[in-house]
Structures are given as structure tokens and as C-alpha cells.
Amino acid sequence: MTLLAATIALGQTAPAMSTLLIMPFENHSKVVGADWISEACPEVLAQRMSSPKVYAIDRDDRVFAFDHAGVPVAVRPSRATTFRVAEQMGADYVVLGSYEVTDSTFQVTTQLLDVKGLKLHPVIQSRGPLADFVDLQTAVAWQLLHEMPNPQPGTQQLFVTSAPPIRLDAFENYVRGVVTTSRQSKIHYFKEALRLNPNYSVAALQLGKVYYDSHDYEQAAVCFGKVPQNDPSAGEATFLLGISEYYLGSLDRSYTAFNSLVTRLPLTEVYNNLGVVDARRGQHAAAAEYFSKAVNADPNDADYRFNYALVLYKGGDSAGATRQLREELQHRPSDAEAKSLLDMISHGVTPPSGTSAASMSGQPRIPIERIKRNYDETSYRQLQMEINNLSQKQSSK
């Protein structure tokens, strides 16, 4: 069973958490320069409301879903459209809101929409100095959580005072960096956020992603390396660090990154990438073991089977490689590399010695292993929580 299928199957019997979609807040301000707060409100609420019982959909997934629904990021969707997309995304609740900045005062109005119950909860309002923006939004987060099932215990004051502090000027630069579409502007804002708060790990991660997306893997690796291992974003940072080091040719460093991650998060993409690194280092037996784990965990992924077949072929197991390639082509019939490799094996072509992907002159080209660039910690965490909740329910019977 794939991760997604397992999540759906378990979710039908033991829903473990509420999925929350937080929309950008509508700006009713007449002052210039308050536009960044539109996305700042969801950022604070997502950080404050996320817990083992509440999964807040991140901005990238929200933007992607609305874009595919024909609503670009610059267009404010109607409530009907928001409701429809929320249903498609599997959201249980939607946070809707607006705000107004007058001189140095901030006022926010928020409502919680129960998607499945077709209920719009009462309005929540908060007002105070703009300098207290984070605390004001944290208080709103507490009130929203208490409109949802299984609210956190304790008082609102305790919830606000115990929340991790966010430096407002650094946060503003971070949000502006997230919202802008210009690469240079992103670099500028994220660097400024880090200058104001050198320990701002989320800004370091986002700056690293900007460099990573433009294939500046050396700068990306530096940024990813600044994210502490105990940080909530450490998993993604470590994964991207491993890929960056791989593209830089630092295979030992790449292996170290992936290996440190797999001990905490046994994701199939991490097993695959460990196999890719070991295959490139000439350690075919170790690589085959990693690819085998990836295939067993997700037998429908064509890339995992292709990599497993390739390392088996290089290790002299042509029969095993043939079986994997035939399975792989069932899932991806158009895979030209898999067809070519299968044809080479059927004609008795033996792999060249050494770790290079290029064959000797006059020989067919041997393809290289496929590294996975996607990182899906969220689905793993959701599945893990579903399993834990189901176990608790069964043990309590």
C-alpha cells in the first residue's frame, strides 16, 4: 500500500487531525506599506496553530491548489471558490480574515469556516499596537483553536507567553521574501531577515531554496547547513543539503546528510537517495539494499524500480534487473531509458567496470541512477499520527 493510500484508508476509520487552510487576510488599510501583513497573518497563525492535532496547509500548497483552480495568487477568490478548493484539498476548516492598520494600530477580524459542517463560526476581533502584531495574532490563534475539536488546555495568556518569540522586523523581511516573485528580491529580504536575526532558521531554509532552485548548490549548502537539527524545518533542510552536496560531487557529505535524516525519518525518497550516492561511490551491494527498501515501501514508483534494476545489472544480476525493469515498465511504459537498458540486457551487454555511467568507446551508454528531489515529510507525519491514534483506540477497547 502506498503512503497516500494508507493515509486515506486509516483516515476513514480514525481521523487523527484537523486539516486547516488559512487564507491571506484582506487588507482594509489606507496607509501605504501594510500589504505584507496579508500573508503575515497566515504565517503566524500556521506556526501557532500547528500541532499533532492540527495540520496547517503551507503557502506553497495553497498557492498551487488555487492556481490549478484558475485563481492566480494576485486574485482574491470568492468565498464560494475558497470553499470549493478547500473541499478539493481535504481541508476541515478554513480561516478567513481581514485587517486594518491605522497609524501604529492594528485591528484584525477573523472567522473560522467549518467545511464539512457547513458552518461559519462567530467573528473574532483583536486590536492593539502594531508592534504587538505577533502577540495579537497568537491570541487569535488560541481563540480559533478553541472553536475546533480538542482545544489545547491552559489559558490564553499562557498560550501567548509560552509561544516562541518572533522578531517583527526580521519577520516582515521574511514575509516579503516569501511573497515576492523576484529572485534578487527574495535574496535581499531573506538576507536582511538573517542579518536582523542570525538564528532565523526558516529564513535560512528559504534563502537556501532560492539558491537551490537556481542551481547555486554551493551557496544553498551553506544555508541549509545553518538550520539546527532540532529545528522543525531540519528534515527538509537536511534533505536539500544532501542533494546539494550530491550535485557538487561531495558524495561523502551527501551520504552523511541523507544517513542522518533516515535515522529520524525513514522516508522512501531518502532510502532511494542513499542508494544513488552509494551506487555512485561504487558500493553496489549497499546501494541495492537501499533501493530494495524503497521498492518494498513504494512498489508503484517507477524510479525506485529503475534504480534497483540498474544496480542489480551493474552487480551482475541480469535476471533480477530484468524482473525489476519489466515491473517498472508496467507503471511507466514510455520510459525510454528502461527500455534501452532492458534491450541491452537481453542482448547480453555487460556493464563496464568502474563507477562511471559512461561506457567504453563503442559500447552502449549505461544510464545513471535517478535521485529524488521531492520531500514529503508531511504525509509521513500524518500517516504516523493516524497509526498511533488507531493503535490507541484499539488498545482502549
Protein backbone atom coordinates (compact mmCIF):
# COMPACT_ATOMS: atom_id res chain seq x y z
CA MET A 1 0.00 0.00 0.00
CA THR A 2 1.36 3.41 -0.90
CA LEU A 3 1.73 6.16 1.69
CA LEU A 4 -1.23 8.12 0.28
CA ALA A 5 -3.47 5.06 0.09
CA ALA A 6 -2.56 4.05 3.63
CA THR A 7 -3.32 7.55 4.88
CA ILE A 8 -6.73 7.53 3.20
CA ALA A 9 -7.58 4.04 4.45
CA LEU A 10 -6.65 4.85 8.02
CA GLY A 11 -8.28 8.26 7.83
CA GLN A 12 -11.61 6.56 7.04
CA THR A 13 -11.53 4.76 10.37
CA ALA A 14 -9.59 7.04 12.70
CA PRO A 15 -9.26 10.69 11.72
CA ALA A 16 -6.24 11.87 13.68
CA MET A 17 -6.06 15.58 13.00
CA SER A 18 -7.88 18.55 11.58
CA THR A 19 -6.56 19.98 8.32
CA LEU A 20 -6.56 23.77 8.30
CA LEU A 21 -6.45 26.12 5.30
CA ILE A 22 -5.52 29.70 6.25
CA MET A 23 -6.28 32.27 3.58
CA PRO A 24 -4.41 35.57 3.11
CA PHE A 25 -6.13 38.30 5.10
CA GLU A 26 -7.86 41.12 3.23
CA ASN A 27 -6.17 44.49 3.63
CA HIS A 28 -8.60 47.27 4.56
CA SER A 29 -5.80 49.70 5.44
CA LYS A 30 -5.46 53.10 3.83
CA VAL A 31 -1.84 53.51 4.87
CA VAL A 32 0.98 52.59 2.49
CA GLY A 33 3.22 49.64 3.27
CA ALA A 34 0.76 47.40 5.14
CA ASP A 35 0.35 44.89 2.29
CA TRP A 36 2.87 42.40 3.73
CA ILE A 37 0.55 41.73 6.68
CA SER A 38 -1.87 39.94 4.34
CA GLU A 39 0.48 36.93 4.22
CA ALA A 40 1.98 37.60 7.65
CA CYS A 41 -1.32 36.77 9.36
CA PRO A 42 -1.48 33.21 7.91
CA GLU A 43 2.22 32.69 8.67
CA VAL A 44 1.81 33.46 12.38
CA LEU A 45 -1.45 31.54 12.68
CA ALA A 46 0.05 28.49 10.97
CA GLN A 47 3.04 28.48 13.31
CA ARG A 48 0.89 28.95 16.41
CA MET A 49 -1.93 26.56 15.50
CA SER A 50 0.11 23.66 14.10
CA SER A 51 0.24 20.68 16.44
CA PRO A 52 -0.16 16.88 16.37
CA LYS A 53 -3.91 17.56 16.18
CA VAL A 54 -3.87 20.39 13.61
CA TYR A 55 -2.13 20.33 10.23
CA ALA A 56 -1.91 23.78 8.65
CA ILE A 57 -1.59 23.61 4.85
CA ASP A 58 1.52 25.55 3.83
CA ARG A 59 1.52 28.52 1.49
CA ASP A 60 3.10 26.72 -1.46
CA ASP A 61 0.40 24.04 -1.46
CA ARG A 62 -2.32 26.67 -1.09
CA VAL A 63 -0.98 28.75 -3.99
CA PHE A 64 -0.60 25.62 -6.14
CA ALA A 65 -4.18 24.49 -5.47
CA PHE A 66 -5.75 27.86 -6.25
CA ASP A 67 -3.58 28.31 -9.34
CA HIS A 68 -4.82 24.98 -10.69
CA ALA A 69 -8.35 26.14 -9.92
CA GLY A 70 -7.73 29.16 -12.16
CA VAL A 71 -7.20 31.64 -9.32
CA PRO A 72 -3.71 33.20 -9.50
CA VAL A 73 -2.06 34.39 -6.32
CA ALA A 74 -2.76 38.06 -7.06
CA VAL A 75 -6.54 37.49 -7.31
CA ARG A 76 -8.70 37.28 -4.19
CA PRO A 77 -11.07 34.30 -4.56
CA SER A 78 -14.74 34.45 -3.66
CA ARG A 79 -15.94 32.52 -0.63
CA ALA A 80 -17.63 30.01 -2.92
CA THR A 81 -14.33 29.38 -4.73
CA THR A 82 -12.46 29.16 -1.44
CA PHE A 83 -14.96 26.62 -0.15
CA ARG A 84 -14.71 24.53 -3.34
CA VAL A 85 -10.88 24.47 -3.32
CA ALA A 86 -10.85 23.73 0.42
CA GLU A 87 -13.06 20.70 -0.22
CA GLN A 88 -10.73 19.53 -3.01
CA MET A 89 -7.72 19.90 -0.69
CA GLY A 90 -9.39 17.90 2.05
CA ALA A 91 -9.44 20.83 4.48
CA ASP A 92 -11.65 20.50 7.54
CA TYR A 93 -11.53 24.19 8.40
CA VAL A 94 -10.72 27.48 6.66
CA VAL A 95 -9.58 30.65 8.40
CA LEU A 96 -10.89 33.83 6.76
CA GLY A 97 -9.90 37.30 7.88
CA SER A 98 -9.26 40.96 7.25
CA TYR A 99 -7.17 43.62 8.92
CA GLU A 100 -6.69 47.36 9.11
CA VAL A 101 -3.63 49.37 10.06
CA THR A 102 -4.22 52.95 11.22
CA ASP A 103 -1.08 54.85 12.17
CA SER A 104 0.50 52.45 14.67
CA THR A 105 -2.65 50.47 15.50
CA PHE A 106 -3.51 47.02 14.16
CA GLN A 107 -7.04 45.57 14.06
CA VAL A 108 -7.94 42.12 12.80
CA THR A 109 -11.25 40.34 12.17
CA THR A 110 -11.26 36.57 11.77
CA GLN A 111 -13.78 33.78 11.20
CA LEU A 112 -13.47 30.01 11.14
CA LEU A 113 -15.32 28.13 8.41
CA ASP A 114 -16.23 24.51 9.15
CA VAL A 115 -16.02 22.96 5.67
CA LYS A 116 -17.62 19.60 6.44
CA GLY A 117 -20.18 21.01 8.87
CA LEU A 118 -21.09 23.91 6.54
CA LYS A 119 -20.85 26.30 9.47
CA LEU A 120 -19.35 29.77 9.77
CA HIS A 121 -18.24 30.39 13.35
CA PRO A 122 -18.68 33.74 15.15
CA VAL A 123 -16.39 36.67 14.33
CA ILE A 124 -13.19 37.02 16.39
CA GLN A 125 -11.74 40.51 16.69
CA SER A 126 -8.47 41.77 18.13
CA ARG A 127 -6.99 45.26 18.33
CA GLY A 128 -3.75 46.72 19.66
CA PRO A 129 -0.42 48.35 18.81
CA LEU A 130 1.12 47.20 15.52
CA ALA A 131 4.31 46.48 17.46
CA ASP A 132 2.33 43.73 19.26
CA PHE A 133 1.21 42.17 15.96
CA VAL A 134 2.66 38.73 16.72
CA ASP A 135 1.12 38.53 20.21
CA LEU A 136 -2.23 39.76 18.89
CA GLN A 137 -2.24 37.06 16.21
CA THR A 138 -1.13 34.46 18.75
CA ALA A 139 -4.15 35.36 20.89
CA VAL A 140 -6.36 34.98 17.80
CA ALA A 141 -4.80 31.56 17.17
CA TRP A 142 -5.78 30.46 20.70
CA GLN A 143 -9.37 31.60 20.14
CA LEU A 144 -9.57 29.82 16.77
CA LEU A 145 -8.22 26.61 18.28
CA HIS A 146 -10.97 26.75 20.87
CA GLU A 147 -13.53 26.80 18.06
CA MET A 148 -12.10 23.47 16.85
CA PRO A 149 -12.21 19.94 18.36
CA ASN A 150 -9.76 19.04 21.15
CA PRO A 151 -8.54 22.56 22.01
CA GLN A 152 -5.27 22.91 23.86
CA PRO A 153 -5.55 23.19 27.65
CA GLY A 154 -4.48 26.29 29.57
CA THR A 155 -5.31 29.94 29.39
CA GLN A 156 -4.94 32.35 26.50
CA GLN A 157 -2.33 34.31 28.42
CA LEU A 158 -0.23 31.19 28.99
CA PHE A 159 -0.58 30.26 25.30
CA VAL A 160 0.65 33.70 24.20
CA THR A 161 3.54 33.96 26.66
CA SER A 162 4.79 30.41 26.00
CA ALA A 163 4.88 30.80 22.19
CA PRO A 164 8.36 31.13 20.65
CA PRO A 165 9.20 34.83 20.13
CA ILE A 166 9.24 36.27 16.61
CA ARG A 167 11.20 39.46 15.98
CA LEU A 168 8.83 41.67 13.98
CA ASP A 169 11.32 43.46 11.68
CA ALA A 170 13.01 40.17 10.76
CA PHE A 171 9.61 38.57 10.28
CA GLU A 172 8.48 41.37 7.95
CA ASN A 173 11.52 40.84 5.76
CA TYR A 174 10.92 37.10 5.78
CA VAL A 175 7.29 37.51 4.68
CA ARG A 176 8.24 39.99 1.95
CA GLY A 177 10.80 37.46 0.73
CA VAL A 178 8.18 34.73 0.62
CA VAL A 179 5.68 36.86 -1.31
CA THR A 180 7.94 38.46 -3.94
CA THR A 181 8.49 36.64 -7.22
CA SER A 182 11.86 38.27 -7.93
CA ARG A 183 14.89 36.09 -7.20
CA GLN A 184 17.08 39.07 -6.29
CA SER A 185 14.38 40.50 -4.02
CA LYS A 186 13.99 37.16 -2.28
CA ILE A 187 17.73 37.01 -1.64
CA HIS A 188 17.69 40.60 -0.36
CA TYR A 189 14.78 40.09 2.06
CA PHE A 190 15.91 36.71 3.40
CA LYS A 191 19.45 38.02 3.92
CA GLU A 192 18.07 41.04 5.75
CA ALA A 193 15.92 38.79 7.94
CA LEU A 194 19.04 36.78 8.82
CA ARG A 195 21.04 39.93 9.47
CA LEU A 196 18.41 41.07 11.96
CA ASN A 197 18.09 37.59 13.43
CA PRO A 198 21.08 35.33 12.62
CA ASN A 199 19.30 32.35 14.22
CA TYR A 200 16.23 32.68 11.98
CA SER A 201 16.27 29.11 10.68
CA VAL A 202 13.18 29.41 8.46
CA ALA A 203 14.77 32.36 6.65
CA ALA A 204 17.97 30.35 6.20
CA LEU A 205 15.96 27.49 4.72
CA GLN A 206 14.11 29.78 2.31
CA LEU A 207 17.31 31.53 1.24
CA GLY A 208 18.84 28.13 0.62
CA LYS A 209 15.86 27.19 -1.55
CA VAL A 210 16.35 30.30 -3.69
CA TYR A 211 19.96 29.31 -4.37
CA TYR A 212 18.96 25.67 -4.81
CA ASP A 213 16.29 26.49 -7.41
CA SER A 214 18.86 28.49 -9.41
CA HIS A 215 21.37 25.59 -9.18
CA ASP A 216 23.78 27.53 -6.96
CA TYR A 217 24.33 24.45 -4.84
CA GLU A 218 27.39 25.76 -3.04
CA GLN A 219 25.52 28.72 -1.54
CA ALA A 220 22.47 26.52 -0.96
CA ALA A 221 24.50 24.02 1.06
CA VAL A 222 25.83 26.81 3.28
CA CYS A 223 22.29 27.99 4.05
CA PHE A 224 20.87 24.53 4.67
CA GLY A 225 23.76 23.77 6.99
CA LYS A 226 22.70 26.67 9.24
CA VAL A 227 19.40 25.01 10.19
CA PRO A 228 19.81 23.28 13.59
CA GLN A 229 18.96 19.59 13.79
CA ASN A 230 16.35 20.22 16.48
CA ASP A 231 14.51 22.77 14.33
CA PRO A 232 11.08 21.84 12.89
CA SER A 233 12.41 22.53 9.37
CA ALA A 234 15.57 20.45 9.88
CA GLY A 235 14.25 17.48 7.92
CA GLU A 236 13.70 19.41 4.71
CA ALA A 237 16.94 21.37 5.15
CA THR A 238 18.95 18.16 5.61
CA PHE A 239 17.30 16.53 2.59
CA LEU A 240 18.09 19.51 0.35
CA LEU A 241 21.61 19.66 1.80
CA GLY A 242 22.14 16.05 0.74
CA ILE A 243 21.00 16.81 -2.82
CA SER A 244 23.12 19.97 -2.98
CA GLU A 245 26.24 18.09 -1.90
CA TYR A 246 25.42 15.35 -4.41
CA TYR A 247 25.33 17.83 -7.28
CA LEU A 248 28.54 19.39 -6.02
CA GLY A 249 30.18 15.97 -6.26
CA SER A 250 30.69 15.75 -2.48
CA LEU A 251 29.34 12.22 -2.23
CA ASP A 252 30.59 11.54 1.30
CA ARG A 253 28.93 14.72 2.60
CA SER A 254 25.78 13.87 0.69
CA TYR A 255 25.69 10.41 2.25
CA THR A 256 26.22 11.87 5.72
CA ALA A 257 23.25 14.22 5.28
CA PHE A 258 20.87 11.54 3.99
CA ASN A 259 22.04 8.99 6.55
CA SER A 260 21.45 11.40 9.45
CA LEU A 261 17.94 12.01 8.13
CA VAL A 262 16.91 8.39 7.57
CA THR A 263 17.55 7.51 11.21
CA ARG A 264 14.83 10.02 12.16
CA LEU A 265 12.54 9.87 9.13
CA PRO A 266 12.62 6.60 7.16
CA LEU A 267 11.19 8.14 4.00
CA THR A 268 11.38 6.19 0.74
CA GLU A 269 12.97 9.14 -1.09
CA VAL A 270 15.77 9.19 1.48
CA TYR A 271 16.41 5.45 1.07
CA ASN A 272 16.49 5.97 -2.69
CA ASN A 273 18.96 8.83 -2.48
CA LEU A 274 21.24 6.89 -0.15
CA GLY A 275 21.22 4.17 -2.78
CA VAL A 276 22.05 6.67 -5.53
CA VAL A 277 25.00 8.04 -3.56
CA ASP A 278 26.33 4.57 -2.73
CA ALA A 279 25.92 3.48 -6.36
CA ARG A 280 27.94 6.48 -7.50
CA ARG A 281 30.58 5.58 -4.89
CA GLY A 282 30.77 2.06 -6.35
CA GLN A 283 29.17 0.39 -3.33
CA HIS A 284 26.65 -1.65 -5.29
CA ALA A 285 25.67 -4.10 -2.54
CA ALA A 286 24.80 -1.30 -0.12
CA ALA A 287 23.01 0.59 -2.88
CA ALA A 288 20.94 -2.48 -3.77
CA GLU A 289 19.84 -2.79 -0.14
CA TYR A 290 18.65 0.82 -0.05
CA PHE A 291 16.83 0.53 -3.39
CA SER A 292 15.20 -2.70 -2.21
CA LYS A 293 13.82 -0.89 0.85
CA ALA A 294 12.48 1.90 -1.35
CA VAL A 295 10.80 -0.56 -3.73
CA ASN A 296 9.26 -2.56 -0.88
CA ALA A 297 7.91 0.63 0.71
CA ASP A 298 6.52 2.01 -2.56
CA PRO A 299 6.40 -0.66 -5.29
CA ASN A 300 4.49 1.63 -7.67
CA ASP A 301 7.28 4.20 -8.01
CA ALA A 302 8.95 3.60 -11.37
CA ASP A 303 12.18 5.41 -10.44
CA TYR A 304 12.81 3.16 -7.44
CA ARG A 305 12.46 0.05 -9.59
CA PHE A 306 14.64 1.55 -12.33
CA ASN A 307 17.41 2.31 -9.83
CA TYR A 308 17.12 -1.14 -8.29
CA ALA A 309 17.33 -2.73 -11.73
CA LEU A 310 20.35 -0.64 -12.68
CA VAL A 311 22.35 -1.52 -9.57
CA LEU A 312 21.45 -5.20 -9.92
CA TYR A 313 22.65 -5.09 -13.53
CA LYS A 314 25.91 -3.44 -12.52
CA GLY A 315 26.32 -6.08 -9.84
CA GLY A 316 25.95 -8.91 -12.38
CA ASP A 317 22.35 -9.93 -11.58
CA SER A 318 20.84 -9.58 -15.05
CA ALA A 319 17.84 -11.76 -14.20
CA GLY A 320 16.93 -9.64 -11.18
CA ALA A 321 17.44 -6.47 -13.19
CA THR A 322 15.15 -7.79 -15.93
CA ARG A 323 12.38 -8.52 -13.43
CA GLN A 324 12.57 -5.00 -11.99
CA LEU A 325 12.62 -3.35 -15.41
CA ARG A 326 9.57 -5.28 -16.58
CA GLU A 327 7.72 -4.26 -13.42
CA GLU A 328 8.88 -0.67 -13.91
CA LEU A 329 7.63 -0.56 -17.50
CA GLN A 330 4.20 -1.70 -16.30
CA HIS A 331 3.99 1.57 -14.36
CA ARG A 332 5.79 3.77 -16.90
CA PRO A 333 5.56 2.22 -20.41
CA SER A 334 7.10 5.32 -22.03
CA ASP A 335 10.40 5.10 -20.10
CA ALA A 336 12.94 5.08 -22.93
CA GLU A 337 15.93 4.53 -20.61
CA ALA A 338 14.31 1.47 -19.05
CA LYS A 339 13.51 0.03 -22.47
CA SER A 340 17.07 0.66 -23.64
CA LEU A 341 18.56 -0.98 -20.55
CA LEU A 342 16.25 -3.98 -20.89
CA ASP A 343 17.27 -4.31 -24.52
CA MET A 344 20.97 -4.21 -23.56
CA ILE A 345 20.45 -6.97 -21.01
CA SER A 346 18.52 -9.13 -23.48
CA HIS A 347 21.41 -8.79 -25.96
CA GLY A 348 23.94 -9.85 -23.37
CA VAL A 349 25.68 -6.48 -23.00
CA THR A 350 27.72 -6.48 -19.80
CA PRO A 351 28.23 -3.31 -17.76
CA PRO A 352 31.65 -1.64 -17.90
CA SER A 353 33.94 -1.87 -14.89
CA GLY A 354 34.25 1.19 -12.62
CA THR A 355 31.64 3.61 -11.33
CA SER A 356 31.34 5.87 -14.36
CA ALA A 357 27.95 5.95 -16.07
CA ALA A 358 29.59 6.35 -19.45
CA SER A 359 30.52 3.12 -21.26
CA MET A 360 33.73 2.43 -23.10
CA SER A 361 34.06 3.68 -26.65
CA GLY A 362 31.81 1.74 -28.99
CA GLN A 363 29.66 0.35 -26.16
CA PRO A 364 26.06 1.38 -25.38
CA ARG A 365 25.66 4.13 -22.82
CA ILE A 366 24.76 2.95 -19.31
CA PRO A 367 22.23 5.33 -17.69
CA ILE A 368 22.78 6.85 -14.25
CA GLU A 369 20.69 6.38 -11.13
CA ARG A 370 17.77 8.75 -10.58
CA ILE A 371 17.88 10.93 -7.47
CA LYS A 372 14.61 12.04 -5.90
CA ARG A 373 14.19 15.78 -5.37
CA ASN A 374 10.75 15.66 -3.73
CA TYR A 375 10.49 15.62 0.06
CA ASP A 376 7.20 14.62 1.69
CA GLU A 377 7.59 14.69 5.45
CA THR A 378 4.02 15.89 5.93
CA SER A 379 2.38 12.74 4.54
CA TYR A 380 4.69 10.60 6.65
CA ARG A 381 3.83 12.55 9.81
CA GLN A 382 0.11 12.34 9.05
CA LEU A 383 0.28 8.60 8.46
CA GLN A 384 2.33 8.12 11.62
CA MET A 385 -0.27 10.04 13.63
CA GLU A 386 -3.12 8.06 12.07
CA ILE A 387 -1.42 4.79 13.02
CA ASN A 388 -0.76 5.97 16.57
CA ASN A 389 -4.35 7.13 17.06
CA LEU A 390 -5.72 3.90 15.64
CA SER A 391 -3.50 1.88 17.97
CA GLN A 392 -4.65 3.93 20.96
CA LYS A 393 -8.30 3.39 20.04
CA GLN A 394 -7.80 -0.35 19.66
CA SER A 395 -5.90 -0.66 22.94
CA SER A 396 -8.61 1.25 24.81
CA LYS A 397 -11.32 -1.20 23.74
